[in-house]
Amino acid sequence: MDDSSRALGEVLLKELEYPVCMQYMVPPIKLCTNGHNICRKCRESVHFCPTCRAEFSEIRYMVMENIVRRQNYPCVNRQNGFLGSFCIQNIAKHQDVCVYEKIKCPFHLLKKYSWNGFKNDVKEHAKAVHPIFF
């Protein structure tokens, strides 16, 4: 991908990020009566448009939905080193199993363990520090 395509992709991603929840919008994307879009998740919890306080309509923003379906989205764990991206249908599945996700030690509730690491390393950590469980 050349620099101009990458830059356009970043601009699109920024536009697809909803400013209230900071998540990427997924269809159906609805509009307020003044034409501002709102993500599906936020629409369930707010009663007026966060941008202009207008009421919501049942009109779907089909152009934005088509863009959403064609865009590749970065993993939320990109700050941890995962550089891949996925279409909207696959990003949630990937993030559920992404080994770059940082997690706490599963035994942190038993004692004050402060280990934080990648999901992929938790088994090795548990065997080394908590051998009684293995």
N, C-alpha and C. Protein backbone atom coordinates (compact mmCIF):
# COMPACT_ATOMS: atom_id res chain seq x y z
N MET A 1 0.85 -1.17 0.00
CA MET A 1 0.00 0.00 0.00
C MET A 1 0.90 1.23 0.00
N ASP A 2 0.63 2.17 -0.89
CA ASP A 2 1.45 3.37 -0.95
C ASP A 2 1.04 4.37 0.13
N ASP A 3 1.83 5.42 0.29
CA ASP A 3 1.61 6.39 1.37
C ASP A 3 0.28 7.11 1.27
N SER A 4 -0.16 7.45 0.05
CA SER A 4 -1.43 8.17 -0.10
C SER A 4 -2.61 7.26 0.25
N SER A 5 -2.55 5.98 -0.10
CA SER A 5 -3.62 5.04 0.26
C SER A 5 -3.66 4.84 1.77
N ARG A 6 -2.49 4.73 2.38
CA ARG A 6 -2.41 4.56 3.83
C ARG A 6 -2.98 5.79 4.53
N ALA A 7 -2.65 6.98 4.03
CA ALA A 7 -3.16 8.22 4.62
C ALA A 7 -4.68 8.31 4.50
N LEU A 8 -5.21 7.94 3.34
CA LEU A 8 -6.66 7.95 3.15
C LEU A 8 -7.32 6.96 4.10
N GLY A 9 -6.73 5.79 4.25
CA GLY A 9 -7.26 4.79 5.18
C GLY A 9 -7.31 5.32 6.61
N GLU A 10 -6.28 6.05 7.03
CA GLU A 10 -6.25 6.63 8.37
C GLU A 10 -7.32 7.71 8.54
N VAL A 11 -7.54 8.51 7.49
CA VAL A 11 -8.58 9.54 7.53
C VAL A 11 -9.95 8.87 7.66
N LEU A 12 -10.18 7.83 6.87
CA LEU A 12 -11.46 7.11 6.94
C LEU A 12 -11.67 6.50 8.32
N LEU A 13 -10.62 5.89 8.88
CA LEU A 13 -10.75 5.30 10.21
C LEU A 13 -11.12 6.35 11.25
N LYS A 14 -10.52 7.51 11.14
CA LYS A 14 -10.83 8.58 12.09
C LYS A 14 -12.30 9.00 11.97
N GLU A 15 -12.82 9.05 10.74
CA GLU A 15 -14.22 9.40 10.52
C GLU A 15 -15.17 8.31 11.02
N LEU A 16 -14.72 7.07 10.99
CA LEU A 16 -15.56 5.95 11.42
C LEU A 16 -15.53 5.74 12.94
N GLU A 17 -14.63 6.43 13.61
CA GLU A 17 -14.55 6.34 15.07
C GLU A 17 -15.58 7.28 15.67
N TYR A 18 -16.47 6.74 16.47
CA TYR A 18 -17.52 7.58 17.04
C TYR A 18 -16.96 8.33 18.24
N PRO A 19 -17.13 9.67 18.28
CA PRO A 19 -16.45 10.47 19.31
C PRO A 19 -16.94 10.27 20.74
N VAL A 20 -18.09 9.65 20.92
CA VAL A 20 -18.59 9.44 22.28
C VAL A 20 -17.95 8.21 22.91
N CYS A 21 -18.04 7.07 22.24
CA CYS A 21 -17.51 5.82 22.80
C CYS A 21 -16.11 5.48 22.30
N MET A 22 -15.63 6.21 21.29
CA MET A 22 -14.31 6.00 20.70
C MET A 22 -14.15 4.62 20.05
N GLN A 23 -15.27 4.02 19.67
CA GLN A 23 -15.27 2.74 18.96
C GLN A 23 -15.62 3.00 17.50
N TYR A 24 -15.26 2.04 16.64
CA TYR A 24 -15.63 2.17 15.23
C TYR A 24 -17.10 1.84 15.06
N MET A 25 -17.76 2.63 14.23
CA MET A 25 -19.18 2.41 13.97
C MET A 25 -19.37 1.15 13.14
N VAL A 26 -20.44 0.43 13.45
CA VAL A 26 -20.81 -0.75 12.68
C VAL A 26 -22.28 -0.61 12.30
N PRO A 27 -22.67 -1.16 11.17
CA PRO A 27 -24.06 -1.07 10.74
C PRO A 27 -25.00 -1.75 11.74
N PRO A 28 -26.22 -1.28 11.86
CA PRO A 28 -26.79 -0.14 11.15
C PRO A 28 -26.36 1.18 11.76
N ILE A 29 -26.05 2.13 10.91
CA ILE A 29 -25.66 3.47 11.34
C ILE A 29 -26.85 4.39 11.06
N LYS A 30 -27.40 4.97 12.11
CA LYS A 30 -28.58 5.82 11.99
C LYS A 30 -28.17 7.28 12.03
N LEU A 31 -29.09 8.16 11.66
CA LEU A 31 -28.86 9.60 11.62
C LEU A 31 -29.84 10.33 12.54
N CYS A 32 -29.40 11.50 13.01
CA CYS A 32 -30.35 12.38 13.70
C CYS A 32 -31.09 13.17 12.62
N THR A 33 -32.06 13.95 13.02
CA THR A 33 -32.85 14.71 12.04
C THR A 33 -32.04 15.79 11.34
N ASN A 34 -30.85 16.13 11.87
CA ASN A 34 -29.96 17.10 11.22
C ASN A 34 -28.85 16.42 10.41
N GLY A 35 -28.86 15.09 10.35
CA GLY A 35 -27.90 14.39 9.50
C GLY A 35 -26.63 13.91 10.17
N HIS A 36 -26.51 14.04 11.50
CA HIS A 36 -25.33 13.51 12.19
C HIS A 36 -25.51 12.02 12.42
N ASN A 37 -24.45 11.27 12.24
CA ASN A 37 -24.54 9.83 12.44
C ASN A 37 -24.24 9.47 13.89
N ILE A 38 -24.72 8.28 14.29
CA ILE A 38 -24.48 7.78 15.63
C ILE A 38 -24.25 6.29 15.54
N CYS A 39 -23.36 5.79 16.36
CA CYS A 39 -23.08 4.35 16.31
C CYS A 39 -24.22 3.57 16.97
N ARG A 40 -24.33 2.34 16.62
CA ARG A 40 -25.42 1.49 17.10
C ARG A 40 -25.39 1.37 18.62
N LYS A 41 -24.21 1.17 19.19
CA LYS A 41 -24.08 0.98 20.63
C LYS A 41 -24.52 2.24 21.39
N CYS A 42 -24.05 3.39 20.97
CA CYS A 42 -24.41 4.64 21.65
C CYS A 42 -25.89 4.96 21.46
N ARG A 43 -26.44 4.61 20.32
CA ARG A 43 -27.86 4.91 20.05
C ARG A 43 -28.76 4.25 21.07
N GLU A 44 -28.33 3.11 21.61
CA GLU A 44 -29.14 2.39 22.60
C GLU A 44 -29.19 3.12 23.94
N SER A 45 -28.20 3.99 24.21
CA SER A 45 -28.14 4.60 25.53
C SER A 45 -28.36 6.12 25.56
N VAL A 46 -28.43 6.77 24.41
CA VAL A 46 -28.67 8.22 24.41
C VAL A 46 -30.00 8.51 23.72
N HIS A 47 -30.62 9.61 24.14
CA HIS A 47 -31.95 9.93 23.63
C HIS A 47 -31.95 11.08 22.61
N PHE A 48 -30.86 11.86 22.62
CA PHE A 48 -30.72 12.96 21.68
C PHE A 48 -29.33 12.93 21.08
N CYS A 49 -29.18 13.50 19.92
CA CYS A 49 -27.89 13.55 19.22
C CYS A 49 -26.85 14.26 20.11
N PRO A 50 -25.72 13.62 20.36
CA PRO A 50 -24.68 14.26 21.18
C PRO A 50 -24.05 15.48 20.50
N THR A 51 -24.17 15.57 19.18
CA THR A 51 -23.59 16.69 18.45
C THR A 51 -24.46 17.94 18.49
N CYS A 52 -25.78 17.75 18.23
CA CYS A 52 -26.65 18.93 18.12
C CYS A 52 -27.91 18.85 18.99
N ARG A 53 -28.09 17.77 19.73
CA ARG A 53 -29.24 17.57 20.62
C ARG A 53 -30.56 17.35 19.88
N ALA A 54 -30.52 17.10 18.58
CA ALA A 54 -31.75 16.83 17.82
C ALA A 54 -32.21 15.40 18.10
N GLU A 55 -33.44 15.11 17.70
CA GLU A 55 -33.97 13.76 17.83
C GLU A 55 -33.37 12.86 16.77
N PHE A 56 -33.43 11.56 17.00
CA PHE A 56 -32.93 10.60 16.03
C PHE A 56 -34.04 10.20 15.07
N SER A 57 -33.63 9.89 13.87
CA SER A 57 -34.57 9.37 12.88
C SER A 57 -34.32 7.88 12.74
N GLU A 58 -35.11 7.23 11.96
CA GLU A 58 -34.88 5.81 11.67
C GLU A 58 -34.15 5.65 10.33
N ILE A 59 -33.68 6.75 9.78
CA ILE A 59 -32.98 6.73 8.49
C ILE A 59 -31.58 6.16 8.69
N ARG A 60 -31.24 5.20 7.83
CA ARG A 60 -29.90 4.61 7.88
C ARG A 60 -28.98 5.35 6.93
N TYR A 61 -27.73 5.49 7.34
CA TYR A 61 -26.71 6.16 6.55
C TYR A 61 -26.01 5.09 5.70
N MET A 62 -26.63 4.75 4.56
CA MET A 62 -26.19 3.62 3.74
C MET A 62 -24.79 3.83 3.15
N VAL A 63 -24.45 5.06 2.75
CA VAL A 63 -23.12 5.31 2.20
C VAL A 63 -22.06 4.99 3.25
N MET A 64 -22.27 5.46 4.48
CA MET A 64 -21.32 5.18 5.56
C MET A 64 -21.27 3.69 5.86
N GLU A 65 -22.40 3.02 5.83
CA GLU A 65 -22.43 1.58 6.07
C GLU A 65 -21.62 0.84 5.00
N ASN A 66 -21.73 1.26 3.74
CA ASN A 66 -20.94 0.64 2.67
C ASN A 66 -19.45 0.88 2.87
N ILE A 67 -19.07 2.07 3.31
CA ILE A 67 -17.66 2.36 3.59
C ILE A 67 -17.17 1.47 4.73
N VAL A 68 -17.97 1.35 5.78
CA VAL A 68 -17.62 0.51 6.93
C VAL A 68 -17.34 -0.92 6.48
N ARG A 69 -18.18 -1.43 5.60
CA ARG A 69 -18.02 -2.83 5.16
C ARG A 69 -16.77 -3.05 4.31
N ARG A 70 -16.24 -2.00 3.69
CA ARG A 70 -15.08 -2.12 2.81
C ARG A 70 -13.76 -1.77 3.50
N GLN A 71 -13.84 -1.17 4.67
CA GLN A 71 -12.65 -0.70 5.38
C GLN A 71 -12.02 -1.83 6.19
N ASN A 72 -10.70 -1.84 6.30
CA ASN A 72 -10.00 -2.73 7.21
C ASN A 72 -9.72 -1.97 8.50
N TYR A 73 -9.89 -2.66 9.63
CA TYR A 73 -9.76 -2.04 10.93
C TYR A 73 -8.57 -2.61 11.68
N PRO A 74 -7.80 -1.74 12.35
CA PRO A 74 -6.68 -2.24 13.14
C PRO A 74 -7.18 -2.89 14.42
N CYS A 75 -6.44 -3.83 14.91
CA CYS A 75 -6.72 -4.48 16.19
C CYS A 75 -6.53 -3.45 17.32
N VAL A 76 -7.33 -3.55 18.37
CA VAL A 76 -7.17 -2.66 19.51
C VAL A 76 -5.83 -2.87 20.19
N ASN A 77 -5.18 -3.97 19.90
CA ASN A 77 -3.89 -4.27 20.51
C ASN A 77 -2.71 -3.81 19.66
N ARG A 78 -2.94 -2.90 18.75
CA ARG A 78 -1.83 -2.42 17.92
C ARG A 78 -0.79 -1.70 18.75
N GLN A 79 -1.20 -1.05 19.86
CA GLN A 79 -0.22 -0.40 20.73
C GLN A 79 0.67 -1.42 21.44
N ASN A 80 0.24 -2.68 21.46
CA ASN A 80 1.05 -3.75 22.04
C ASN A 80 1.88 -4.49 21.01
N GLY A 81 1.78 -4.10 19.74
CA GLY A 81 2.63 -4.68 18.72
C GLY A 81 1.94 -5.45 17.61
N PHE A 82 0.61 -5.65 17.68
CA PHE A 82 -0.07 -6.37 16.60
C PHE A 82 -0.36 -5.39 15.47
N LEU A 83 0.13 -5.68 14.29
CA LEU A 83 0.02 -4.74 13.17
C LEU A 83 -1.00 -5.14 12.12
N GLY A 84 -1.69 -6.24 12.30
CA GLY A 84 -2.67 -6.69 11.32
C GLY A 84 -3.95 -5.87 11.36
N SER A 85 -4.75 -6.03 10.33
CA SER A 85 -6.06 -5.38 10.27
C SER A 85 -7.05 -6.35 9.64
N PHE A 86 -8.34 -6.11 9.92
CA PHE A 86 -9.39 -7.03 9.50
C PHE A 86 -10.62 -6.27 9.04
N CYS A 87 -11.44 -6.93 8.23
CA CYS A 87 -12.72 -6.34 7.83
C CYS A 87 -13.64 -6.35 9.05
N ILE A 88 -14.71 -5.58 8.99
CA ILE A 88 -15.61 -5.41 10.13
C ILE A 88 -16.21 -6.74 10.59
N GLN A 89 -16.39 -7.69 9.66
CA GLN A 89 -16.98 -8.98 10.04
C GLN A 89 -16.01 -9.83 10.85
N ASN A 90 -14.70 -9.58 10.74
CA ASN A 90 -13.71 -10.44 11.40
C ASN A 90 -12.95 -9.79 12.54
N ILE A 91 -13.03 -8.48 12.69
CA ILE A 91 -12.21 -7.82 13.70
C ILE A 91 -12.58 -8.25 15.12
N ALA A 92 -13.86 -8.39 15.42
CA ALA A 92 -14.28 -8.78 16.78
C ALA A 92 -13.81 -10.20 17.09
N LYS A 93 -13.93 -11.11 16.11
CA LYS A 93 -13.47 -12.48 16.33
C LYS A 93 -11.98 -12.51 16.62
N HIS A 94 -11.21 -11.72 15.85
CA HIS A 94 -9.77 -11.67 16.09
C HIS A 94 -9.46 -11.13 17.48
N GLN A 95 -10.10 -10.03 17.87
CA GLN A 95 -9.79 -9.40 19.14
C GLN A 95 -10.14 -10.28 20.32
N ASP A 96 -11.09 -11.20 20.16
CA ASP A 96 -11.42 -12.14 21.23
C ASP A 96 -10.26 -13.09 21.53
N VAL A 97 -9.44 -13.37 20.52
CA VAL A 97 -8.36 -14.35 20.69
C VAL A 97 -6.96 -13.76 20.50
N CYS A 98 -6.85 -12.46 20.29
CA CYS A 98 -5.56 -11.83 19.99
C CYS A 98 -4.56 -12.07 21.12
N VAL A 99 -3.42 -12.65 20.77
CA VAL A 99 -2.39 -12.95 21.77
C VAL A 99 -1.63 -11.71 22.22
N TYR A 100 -1.87 -10.57 21.58
CA TYR A 100 -1.22 -9.32 21.98
C TYR A 100 -2.02 -8.57 23.05
N GLU A 101 -3.15 -9.14 23.45
CA GLU A 101 -3.94 -8.50 24.50
C GLU A 101 -3.20 -8.63 25.82
N LYS A 102 -3.09 -7.54 26.55
CA LYS A 102 -2.48 -7.57 27.89
C LYS A 102 -3.55 -7.97 28.89
N ILE A 103 -3.19 -8.91 29.77
CA ILE A 103 -4.12 -9.37 30.79
C ILE A 103 -3.41 -9.46 32.14
N LYS A 104 -4.18 -9.49 33.21
CA LYS A 104 -3.63 -9.68 34.54
C LYS A 104 -3.49 -11.17 34.81
N CYS A 105 -2.65 -11.49 35.75
CA CYS A 105 -2.51 -12.88 36.19
C CYS A 105 -3.88 -13.39 36.64
N PRO A 106 -4.29 -14.58 36.19
CA PRO A 106 -5.59 -15.10 36.60
C PRO A 106 -5.70 -15.34 38.10
N PHE A 107 -4.56 -15.44 38.78
CA PHE A 107 -4.55 -15.69 40.21
C PHE A 107 -4.39 -14.42 41.03
N HIS A 108 -4.52 -13.26 40.39
CA HIS A 108 -4.30 -12.00 41.09
C HIS A 108 -5.30 -11.76 42.23
N LEU A 109 -6.44 -12.42 42.19
CA LEU A 109 -7.43 -12.25 43.25
C LEU A 109 -7.06 -13.03 44.50
N LEU A 110 -6.27 -14.11 44.33
CA LEU A 110 -5.87 -14.92 45.48
C LEU A 110 -4.82 -14.20 46.33
N LYS A 111 -3.93 -13.54 45.69
CA LYS A 111 -2.88 -12.78 46.36
C LYS A 111 -2.63 -11.52 45.54
N LYS A 112 -1.80 -10.69 46.01
CA LYS A 112 -1.52 -9.44 45.30
C LYS A 112 -0.44 -9.65 44.24
N TYR A 113 -0.75 -10.39 43.20
CA TYR A 113 0.17 -10.56 42.09
C TYR A 113 0.01 -9.40 41.14
N SER A 114 1.12 -8.83 40.72
CA SER A 114 1.03 -7.67 39.86
C SER A 114 1.43 -7.97 38.41
N TRP A 115 1.56 -9.24 38.07
CA TRP A 115 1.97 -9.59 36.71
C TRP A 115 0.92 -9.16 35.71
N ASN A 116 1.36 -8.49 34.69
CA ASN A 116 0.55 -8.16 33.51
C ASN A 116 1.36 -8.62 32.33
N GLY A 117 0.73 -9.30 31.40
CA GLY A 117 1.46 -9.75 30.23
C GLY A 117 0.52 -10.08 29.10
N PHE A 118 1.12 -10.58 28.04
CA PHE A 118 0.32 -10.96 26.87
C PHE A 118 -0.46 -12.24 27.14
N LYS A 119 -1.63 -12.31 26.57
CA LYS A 119 -2.49 -13.48 26.72
C LYS A 119 -1.72 -14.76 26.37
N ASN A 120 -0.86 -14.66 25.37
CA ASN A 120 -0.08 -15.80 24.91
C ASN A 120 0.91 -16.30 25.97
N ASP A 121 1.30 -15.46 26.93
CA ASP A 121 2.32 -15.80 27.93
C ASP A 121 1.74 -16.21 29.27
N VAL A 122 0.44 -16.15 29.45
CA VAL A 122 -0.15 -16.40 30.76
C VAL A 122 0.07 -17.83 31.24
N LYS A 123 0.02 -18.81 30.35
CA LYS A 123 0.22 -20.19 30.76
C LYS A 123 1.64 -20.40 31.28
N GLU A 124 2.61 -19.86 30.57
CA GLU A 124 4.02 -19.97 30.99
C GLU A 124 4.21 -19.28 32.35
N HIS A 125 3.62 -18.10 32.52
CA HIS A 125 3.71 -17.38 33.79
C HIS A 125 3.10 -18.22 34.91
N ALA A 126 1.92 -18.75 34.68
CA ALA A 126 1.22 -19.51 35.72
C ALA A 126 2.01 -20.76 36.12
N LYS A 127 2.60 -21.45 35.16
CA LYS A 127 3.42 -22.63 35.47
C LYS A 127 4.65 -22.26 36.29
N ALA A 128 5.26 -21.13 35.96
CA ALA A 128 6.49 -20.71 36.67
C ALA A 128 6.21 -20.18 38.06
N VAL A 129 5.15 -19.40 38.21
CA VAL A 129 4.89 -18.71 39.48
C VAL A 129 3.87 -19.45 40.36
N HIS A 130 2.98 -20.20 39.74
CA HIS A 130 1.91 -20.89 40.46
C HIS A 130 1.91 -22.38 40.13
N PRO A 131 3.03 -23.08 40.35
CA PRO A 131 3.12 -24.49 39.93
C PRO A 131 2.13 -25.42 40.61
N ILE A 132 1.61 -25.02 41.75
CA ILE A 132 0.65 -25.86 42.46
C ILE A 132 -0.62 -26.12 41.65
N PHE A 133 -0.92 -25.22 40.74
CA PHE A 133 -2.12 -25.36 39.92
C PHE A 133 -1.90 -26.20 38.67
N PHE A 134 -0.65 -26.62 38.44
CA PHE A 134 -0.35 -27.40 37.22
C PHE A 134 0.26 -28.72 37.55
